[in-house]
Amino acid sequence: MSELSKLRWRCRRGAKELDVMFERYLEKGYDQSSEADRQAFDKLLEIQDPKLLRYMLSQEAPDSQELLDIVSKIQSIPPN
């Protein structure tokens, strides 16, 4: 299984909103992302869905700057 396939699997969450945002990031932003952004994205995927959803919907801010940056980058990708 390729790295991208593994990431797609990890991006499948319990909330449709998260699935859509993460899939869009994988399609439109991940390939161009820096190694630091990829590591931050990997760290982001370790967070439980309720907290992750609050981050992605701007209801709560992550504690670390690296997570805040990757959340902002994911949110900035326009819908299809």
PDB file of N, CA and C in Angstrom:
ATOM      1  N   MET A   1       0.852  -1.181   0.000  1.00  0.00           N
ATOM      2  CA  MET A   1       0.000   0.000   0.000  1.00  0.00           C
ATOM      3  C   MET A   1       0.890   1.234   0.000  1.00  0.00           C
ATOM      4  N   SER A   2       0.621   2.179  -0.879  1.00  0.00           N
ATOM      5  CA  SER A   2       1.445   3.381  -0.983  1.00  0.00           C
ATOM      6  C   SER A   2       1.192   4.327   0.195  1.00  0.00           C
ATOM      7  N   GLU A   3       2.118   5.268   0.356  1.00  0.00           N
ATOM      8  CA  GLU A   3       1.988   6.255   1.433  1.00  0.00           C
ATOM      9  C   GLU A   3       0.701   7.056   1.284  1.00  0.00           C
ATOM     10  N   LEU A   4       0.382   7.452   0.054  1.00  0.00           N
ATOM     11  CA  LEU A   4      -0.828   8.234  -0.182  1.00  0.00           C
ATOM     12  C   LEU A   4      -2.085   7.413   0.116  1.00  0.00           C
ATOM     13  N   SER A   5      -2.066   6.140  -0.226  1.00  0.00           N
ATOM     14  CA  SER A   5      -3.212   5.271   0.075  1.00  0.00           C
ATOM     15  C   SER A   5      -3.408   5.142   1.580  1.00  0.00           C
ATOM     16  N   LYS A   6      -2.319   5.008   2.305  1.00  0.00           N
ATOM     17  CA  LYS A   6      -2.399   4.922   3.768  1.00  0.00           C
ATOM     18  C   LYS A   6      -2.960   6.215   4.347  1.00  0.00           C
ATOM     19  N   LEU A   7      -2.505   7.345   3.795  1.00  0.00           N
ATOM     20  CA  LEU A   7      -3.015   8.636   4.261  1.00  0.00           C
ATOM     21  C   LEU A   7      -4.505   8.777   3.985  1.00  0.00           C
ATOM     22  N   ARG A   8      -4.920   8.383   2.790  1.00  0.00           N
ATOM     23  CA  ARG A   8      -6.358   8.446   2.466  1.00  0.00           C
ATOM     24  C   ARG A   8      -7.173   7.649   3.468  1.00  0.00           C
ATOM     25  N   TRP A   9      -6.674   6.486   3.826  1.00  0.00           N
ATOM     26  CA  TRP A   9      -7.378   5.647   4.791  1.00  0.00           C
ATOM     27  C   TRP A   9      -7.450   6.343   6.153  1.00  0.00           C
ATOM     28  N   ARG A  10      -6.344   6.957   6.575  1.00  0.00           N
ATOM     29  CA  ARG A  10      -6.317   7.655   7.862  1.00  0.00           C
ATOM     30  C   ARG A  10      -7.203   8.897   7.856  1.00  0.00           C
ATOM     31  N   CYS A  11      -7.445   9.450   6.678  1.00  0.00           N
ATOM     32  CA  CYS A  11      -8.279  10.657   6.556  1.00  0.00           C
ATOM     33  C   CYS A  11      -9.766  10.339   6.656  1.00  0.00           C
ATOM     34  N   ARG A  12     -10.133   9.089   6.569  1.00  0.00           N
ATOM     35  CA  ARG A  12     -11.543   8.716   6.687  1.00  0.00           C
ATOM     36  C   ARG A  12     -11.930   8.822   8.149  1.00  0.00           C
ATOM     37  N   ARG A  13     -12.810   9.758   8.440  1.00  0.00           N
ATOM     38  CA  ARG A  13     -13.173  10.051   9.817  1.00  0.00           C
ATOM     39  C   ARG A  13     -14.649   9.773  10.039  1.00  0.00           C
ATOM     40  N   GLY A  14     -15.110  10.045  11.255  1.00  0.00           N
ATOM     41  CA  GLY A  14     -16.505   9.848  11.583  1.00  0.00           C
ATOM     42  C   GLY A  14     -17.401  10.994  11.151  1.00  0.00           C
ATOM     43  N   ALA A  15     -16.801  12.103  10.795  1.00  0.00           N
ATOM     44  CA  ALA A  15     -17.576  13.282  10.396  1.00  0.00           C
ATOM     45  C   ALA A  15     -17.334  13.575   8.913  1.00  0.00           C
ATOM     46  N   LYS A  16     -18.395  13.715   8.166  1.00  0.00           N
ATOM     47  CA  LYS A  16     -18.306  13.962   6.727  1.00  0.00           C
ATOM     48  C   LYS A  16     -17.519  15.245   6.432  1.00  0.00           C
ATOM     49  N   GLU A  17     -17.680  16.260   7.266  1.00  0.00           N
ATOM     50  CA  GLU A  17     -16.976  17.522   7.065  1.00  0.00           C
ATOM     51  C   GLU A  17     -15.463  17.305   7.050  1.00  0.00           C
ATOM     52  N   LEU A  18     -14.979  16.473   7.969  1.00  0.00           N
ATOM     53  CA  LEU A  18     -13.549  16.174   8.021  1.00  0.00           C
ATOM     54  C   LEU A  18     -13.111  15.405   6.783  1.00  0.00           C
ATOM     55  N   ASP A  19     -13.902  14.420   6.392  1.00  0.00           N
ATOM     56  CA  ASP A  19     -13.580  13.641   5.187  1.00  0.00           C
ATOM     57  C   ASP A  19     -13.405  14.559   3.984  1.00  0.00           C
ATOM     58  N   VAL A  20     -14.320  15.483   3.814  1.00  0.00           N
ATOM     59  CA  VAL A  20     -14.295  16.385   2.655  1.00  0.00           C
ATOM     60  C   VAL A  20     -13.062  17.285   2.702  1.00  0.00           C
ATOM     61  N   MET A  21     -12.791  17.889   3.847  1.00  0.00           N
ATOM     62  CA  MET A  21     -11.654  18.797   3.956  1.00  0.00           C
ATOM     63  C   MET A  21     -10.331  18.065   3.751  1.00  0.00           C
ATOM     64  N   PHE A  22     -10.194  16.906   4.349  1.00  0.00           N
ATOM     65  CA  PHE A  22      -8.940  16.170   4.230  1.00  0.00           C
ATOM     66  C   PHE A  22      -8.734  15.620   2.824  1.00  0.00           C
ATOM     67  N   GLU A  23      -9.787  15.139   2.206  1.00  0.00           N
ATOM     68  CA  GLU A  23      -9.678  14.636   0.837  1.00  0.00           C
ATOM     69  C   GLU A  23      -9.276  15.771  -0.106  1.00  0.00           C
ATOM     70  N   ARG A  24      -9.868  16.938   0.080  1.00  0.00           N
ATOM     71  CA  ARG A  24      -9.535  18.100  -0.742  1.00  0.00           C
ATOM     72  C   ARG A  24      -8.064  18.477  -0.557  1.00  0.00           C
ATOM     73  N   TYR A  25      -7.572  18.429   0.685  1.00  0.00           N
ATOM     74  CA  TYR A  25      -6.167  18.730   0.950  1.00  0.00           C
ATOM     75  C   TYR A  25      -5.261  17.713   0.259  1.00  0.00           C
ATOM     76  N   LEU A  26      -5.605  16.441   0.346  1.00  0.00           N
ATOM     77  CA  LEU A  26      -4.789  15.420  -0.307  1.00  0.00           C
ATOM     78  C   LEU A  26      -4.748  15.622  -1.820  1.00  0.00           C
ATOM     79  N   GLU A  27      -5.866  16.012  -2.404  1.00  0.00           N
ATOM     80  CA  GLU A  27      -5.939  16.196  -3.855  1.00  0.00           C
ATOM     81  C   GLU A  27      -5.249  17.471  -4.329  1.00  0.00           C
ATOM     82  N   LYS A  28      -5.372  18.541  -3.549  1.00  0.00           N
ATOM     83  CA  LYS A  28      -4.936  19.849  -4.052  1.00  0.00           C
ATOM     84  C   LYS A  28      -3.750  20.471  -3.329  1.00  0.00           C
ATOM     85  N   GLY A  29      -3.368  19.938  -2.180  1.00  0.00           N
ATOM     86  CA  GLY A  29      -2.308  20.609  -1.436  1.00  0.00           C
ATOM     87  C   GLY A  29      -1.180  19.731  -0.942  1.00  0.00           C
ATOM     88  N   TYR A  30      -1.449  18.474  -0.743  1.00  0.00           N
ATOM     89  CA  TYR A  30      -0.462  17.607  -0.104  1.00  0.00           C
ATOM     90  C   TYR A  30       0.810  17.455  -0.929  1.00  0.00           C
ATOM     91  N   ASP A  31       0.695  17.247  -2.229  1.00  0.00           N
ATOM     92  CA  ASP A  31       1.875  17.026  -3.078  1.00  0.00           C
ATOM     93  C   ASP A  31       2.842  18.208  -3.045  1.00  0.00           C
ATOM     94  N   GLN A  32       2.322  19.419  -2.898  1.00  0.00           N
ATOM     95  CA  GLN A  32       3.157  20.615  -2.890  1.00  0.00           C
ATOM     96  C   GLN A  32       3.615  21.000  -1.482  1.00  0.00           C
ATOM     97  N   SER A  33       3.162  20.280  -0.485  1.00  0.00           N
ATOM     98  CA  SER A  33       3.461  20.661   0.894  1.00  0.00           C
ATOM     99  C   SER A  33       4.903  20.321   1.270  1.00  0.00           C
ATOM    100  N   SER A  34       5.418  21.069   2.224  1.00  0.00           N
ATOM    101  CA  SER A  34       6.777  20.845   2.728  1.00  0.00           C
ATOM    102  C   SER A  34       6.786  19.612   3.636  1.00  0.00           C
ATOM    103  N   GLU A  35       7.963  19.146   3.941  1.00  0.00           N
ATOM    104  CA  GLU A  35       8.095  18.007   4.863  1.00  0.00           C
ATOM    105  C   GLU A  35       7.528  18.376   6.233  1.00  0.00           C
ATOM    106  N   ALA A  36       7.749  19.605   6.665  1.00  0.00           N
ATOM    107  CA  ALA A  36       7.217  20.061   7.955  1.00  0.00           C
ATOM    108  C   ALA A  36       5.685  20.028   7.949  1.00  0.00           C
ATOM    109  N   ASP A  37       5.070  20.457   6.846  1.00  0.00           N
ATOM    110  CA  ASP A  37       3.609  20.416   6.735  1.00  0.00           C
ATOM    111  C   ASP A  37       3.104  18.979   6.730  1.00  0.00           C
ATOM    112  N   ARG A  38       3.829  18.099   6.065  1.00  0.00           N
ATOM    113  CA  ARG A  38       3.421  16.688   6.038  1.00  0.00           C
ATOM    114  C   ARG A  38       3.483  16.072   7.428  1.00  0.00           C
ATOM    115  N   GLN A  39       4.506  16.430   8.172  1.00  0.00           N
ATOM    116  CA  GLN A  39       4.612  15.929   9.545  1.00  0.00           C
ATOM    117  C   GLN A  39       3.497  16.505  10.420  1.00  0.00           C
ATOM    118  N   ALA A  40       3.185  17.774  10.228  1.00  0.00           N
ATOM    119  CA  ALA A  40       2.099  18.401  10.991  1.00  0.00           C
ATOM    120  C   ALA A  40       0.765  17.754  10.630  1.00  0.00           C
ATOM    121  N   PHE A  41       0.549  17.455   9.357  1.00  0.00           N
ATOM    122  CA  PHE A  41      -0.678  16.794   8.924  1.00  0.00           C
ATOM    123  C   PHE A  41      -0.790  15.416   9.567  1.00  0.00           C
ATOM    124  N   ASP A  42       0.310  14.694   9.603  1.00  0.00           N
ATOM    125  CA  ASP A  42       0.330  13.378  10.241  1.00  0.00           C
ATOM    126  C   ASP A  42      -0.033  13.498  11.725  1.00  0.00           C
ATOM    127  N   LYS A  43       0.520  14.500  12.373  1.00  0.00           N
ATOM    128  CA  LYS A  43       0.221  14.747  13.790  1.00  0.00           C
ATOM    129  C   LYS A  43      -1.252  15.128  13.974  1.00  0.00           C
ATOM    130  N   LEU A  44      -1.770  15.924  13.047  1.00  0.00           N
ATOM    131  CA  LEU A  44      -3.169  16.333  13.097  1.00  0.00           C
ATOM    132  C   LEU A  44      -4.100  15.121  13.028  1.00  0.00           C
ATOM    133  N   LEU A  45      -3.745  14.158  12.197  1.00  0.00           N
ATOM    134  CA  LEU A  45      -4.582  12.970  12.037  1.00  0.00           C
ATOM    135  C   LEU A  45      -4.620  12.076  13.271  1.00  0.00           C
ATOM    136  N   GLU A  46      -3.732  12.310  14.214  1.00  0.00           N
ATOM    137  CA  GLU A  46      -3.727  11.538  15.462  1.00  0.00           C
ATOM    138  C   GLU A  46      -4.742  12.058  16.478  1.00  0.00           C
ATOM    139  N   ILE A  47      -5.288  13.230  16.226  1.00  0.00           N
ATOM    140  CA  ILE A  47      -6.226  13.872  17.155  1.00  0.00           C
ATOM    141  C   ILE A  47      -7.610  13.244  17.005  1.00  0.00           C
ATOM    142  N   GLN A  48      -8.292  13.092  18.116  1.00  0.00           N
ATOM    143  CA  GLN A  48      -9.642  12.524  18.117  1.00  0.00           C
ATOM    144  C   GLN A  48     -10.621  13.430  17.369  1.00  0.00           C
ATOM    145  N   ASP A  49     -11.601  12.816  16.727  1.00  0.00           N
ATOM    146  CA  ASP A  49     -12.535  13.539  15.863  1.00  0.00           C
ATOM    147  C   ASP A  49     -13.230  14.743  16.508  1.00  0.00           C
ATOM    148  N   PRO A  50     -13.761  14.642  17.707  1.00  0.00           N
ATOM    149  CA  PRO A  50     -14.470  15.819  18.252  1.00  0.00           C
ATOM    150  C   PRO A  50     -13.575  17.066  18.333  1.00  0.00           C
ATOM    151  N   LYS A  51     -12.358  16.898  18.825  1.00  0.00           N
ATOM    152  CA  LYS A  51     -11.436  18.032  18.924  1.00  0.00           C
ATOM    153  C   LYS A  51     -10.999  18.473  17.532  1.00  0.00           C
ATOM    154  N   LEU A  52     -10.743  17.524  16.670  1.00  0.00           N
ATOM    155  CA  LEU A  52     -10.321  17.833  15.305  1.00  0.00           C
ATOM    156  C   LEU A  52     -11.396  18.629  14.564  1.00  0.00           C
ATOM    157  N   LEU A  53     -12.629  18.246  14.740  1.00  0.00           N
ATOM    158  CA  LEU A  53     -13.736  18.963  14.102  1.00  0.00           C
ATOM    159  C   LEU A  53     -13.825  20.402  14.616  1.00  0.00           C
ATOM    160  N   ARG A  54     -13.603  20.595  15.914  1.00  0.00           N
ATOM    161  CA  ARG A  54     -13.613  21.958  16.469  1.00  0.00           C
ATOM    162  C   ARG A  54     -12.480  22.789  15.858  1.00  0.00           C
ATOM    163  N   TYR A  55     -11.325  22.183  15.674  1.00  0.00           N
ATOM    164  CA  TYR A  55     -10.211  22.882  15.019  1.00  0.00           C
ATOM    165  C   TYR A  55     -10.579  23.273  13.595  1.00  0.00           C
ATOM    166  N   MET A  56     -11.082  22.317  12.848  1.00  0.00           N
ATOM    167  CA  MET A  56     -11.332  22.539  11.427  1.00  0.00           C
ATOM    168  C   MET A  56     -12.492  23.503  11.186  1.00  0.00           C
ATOM    169  N   LEU A  57     -13.413  23.607  12.131  1.00  0.00           N
ATOM    170  CA  LEU A  57     -14.535  24.539  12.008  1.00  0.00           C
ATOM    171  C   LEU A  57     -14.259  25.863  12.727  1.00  0.00           C
ATOM    172  N   SER A  58     -13.018  26.054  13.142  1.00  0.00           N
ATOM    173  CA  SER A  58     -12.564  27.283  13.813  1.00  0.00           C
ATOM    174  C   SER A  58     -13.326  27.575  15.096  1.00  0.00           C
ATOM    175  N   GLN A  59     -13.717  26.528  15.776  1.00  0.00           N
ATOM    176  CA  GLN A  59     -14.384  26.691  17.065  1.00  0.00           C
ATOM    177  C   GLN A  59     -13.389  26.636  18.216  1.00  0.00           C
ATOM    178  N   GLU A  60     -12.200  26.141  17.920  1.00  0.00           N
ATOM    179  CA  GLU A  60     -11.122  26.030  18.900  1.00  0.00           C
ATOM    180  C   GLU A  60      -9.814  26.075  18.119  1.00  0.00           C
ATOM    181  N   ALA A  61      -8.792  26.648  18.731  1.00  0.00           N
ATOM    182  CA  ALA A  61      -7.488  26.726  18.059  1.00  0.00           C
ATOM    183  C   ALA A  61      -6.538  25.682  18.649  1.00  0.00           C
ATOM    184  N   PRO A  62      -5.753  25.046  17.794  1.00  0.00           N
ATOM    185  CA  PRO A  62      -4.743  24.108  18.300  1.00  0.00           C
ATOM    186  C   PRO A  62      -3.733  24.833  19.182  1.00  0.00           C
ATOM    187  N   ASP A  63      -3.118  24.084  20.089  1.00  0.00           N
ATOM    188  CA  ASP A  63      -2.140  24.664  21.008  1.00  0.00           C
ATOM    189  C   ASP A  63      -0.809  24.982  20.333  1.00  0.00           C
ATOM    190  N   SER A  64      -0.432  24.200  19.335  1.00  0.00           N
ATOM    191  CA  SER A  64       0.878  24.403  18.710  1.00  0.00           C
ATOM    192  C   SER A  64       0.755  25.186  17.407  1.00  0.00           C
ATOM    193  N   GLN A  65       1.799  25.937  17.112  1.00  0.00           N
ATOM    194  CA  GLN A  65       1.816  26.743  15.892  1.00  0.00           C
ATOM    195  C   GLN A  65       1.815  25.847  14.652  1.00  0.00           C
ATOM    196  N   GLU A  66       2.509  24.713  14.715  1.00  0.00           N
ATOM    197  CA  GLU A  66       2.558  23.831  13.545  1.00  0.00           C
ATOM    198  C   GLU A  66       1.165  23.291  13.199  1.00  0.00           C
ATOM    199  N   LEU A  67       0.381  22.955  14.212  1.00  0.00           N
ATOM    200  CA  LEU A  67      -0.983  22.478  13.947  1.00  0.00           C
ATOM    201  C   LEU A  67      -1.873  23.621  13.476  1.00  0.00           C
ATOM    202  N   LEU A  68      -1.701  24.777  14.063  1.00  0.00           N
ATOM    203  CA  LEU A  68      -2.475  25.944  13.635  1.00  0.00           C
ATOM    204  C   LEU A  68      -2.200  26.261  12.162  1.00  0.00           C
ATOM    205  N   ASP A  69      -0.937  26.164  11.775  1.00  0.00           N
ATOM    206  CA  ASP A  69      -0.565  26.439  10.382  1.00  0.00           C
ATOM    207  C   ASP A  69      -1.171  25.430   9.419  1.00  0.00           C
ATOM    208  N   ILE A  70      -1.113  24.143   9.749  1.00  0.00           N
ATOM    209  CA  ILE A  70      -1.638  23.131   8.819  1.00  0.00           C
ATOM    210  C   ILE A  70      -3.164  23.206   8.759  1.00  0.00           C
ATOM    211  N   VAL A  71      -3.815  23.501   9.866  1.00  0.00           N
ATOM    212  CA  VAL A  71      -5.268  23.673   9.857  1.00  0.00           C
ATOM    213  C   VAL A  71      -5.631  24.827   8.933  1.00  0.00           C
ATOM    214  N   SER A  72      -4.903  25.935   9.032  1.00  0.00           N
ATOM    215  CA  SER A  72      -5.168  27.103   8.165  1.00  0.00           C
ATOM    216  C   SER A  72      -4.969  26.763   6.699  1.00  0.00           C
ATOM    217  N   LYS A  73      -3.941  26.003   6.398  1.00  0.00           N
ATOM    218  CA  LYS A  73      -3.678  25.614   5.008  1.00  0.00           C
ATOM    219  C   LYS A  73      -4.790  24.719   4.469  1.00  0.00           C
ATOM    220  N   ILE A  74      -5.244  23.798   5.285  1.00  0.00           N
ATOM    221  CA  ILE A  74      -6.334  22.911   4.848  1.00  0.00           C
ATOM    222  C   ILE A  74      -7.610  23.723   4.635  1.00  0.00           C
ATOM    223  N   GLN A  75      -7.891  24.624   5.559  1.00  0.00           N
ATOM    224  CA  GLN A  75      -9.105  25.451   5.439  1.00  0.00           C
ATOM    225  C   GLN A  75      -9.060  26.378   4.232  1.00  0.00           C
ATOM    226  N   SER A  76      -7.863  26.753   3.800  1.00  0.00           N
ATOM    227  CA  SER A  76      -7.739  27.723   2.707  1.00  0.00           C
ATOM    228  C   SER A  76      -7.937  27.107   1.323  1.00  0.00           C
ATOM    229  N   ILE A  77      -7.972  25.803   1.226  1.00  0.00           N
ATOM    230  CA  ILE A  77      -8.162  25.159  -0.084  1.00  0.00           C
ATOM    231  C   ILE A  77      -9.628  25.278  -0.462  1.00  0.00           C
ATOM    232  N   PRO A  78      -9.901  25.910  -1.609  1.00  0.00           N
ATOM    233  CA  PRO A  78     -11.294  26.131  -2.013  1.00  0.00           C
ATOM    234  C   PRO A  78     -11.994  24.825  -2.388  1.00  0.00           C
ATOM    235  N   PRO A  79     -13.317  24.787  -2.208  1.00  0.00           N
ATOM    236  CA  PRO A  79     -14.084  23.605  -2.592  1.00  0.00           C
ATOM    237  C   PRO A  79     -14.016  23.396  -4.112  1.00  0.00           C
ATOM    238  N   ASN A  80     -14.301  22.195  -4.518  1.00  0.00           N
ATOM    239  CA  ASN A  80     -14.258  21.858  -5.960  1.00  0.00           C
ATOM    240  C   ASN A  80     -15.209  22.695  -6.760  1.00  0.00           C
TER     241      ASN A  80
END
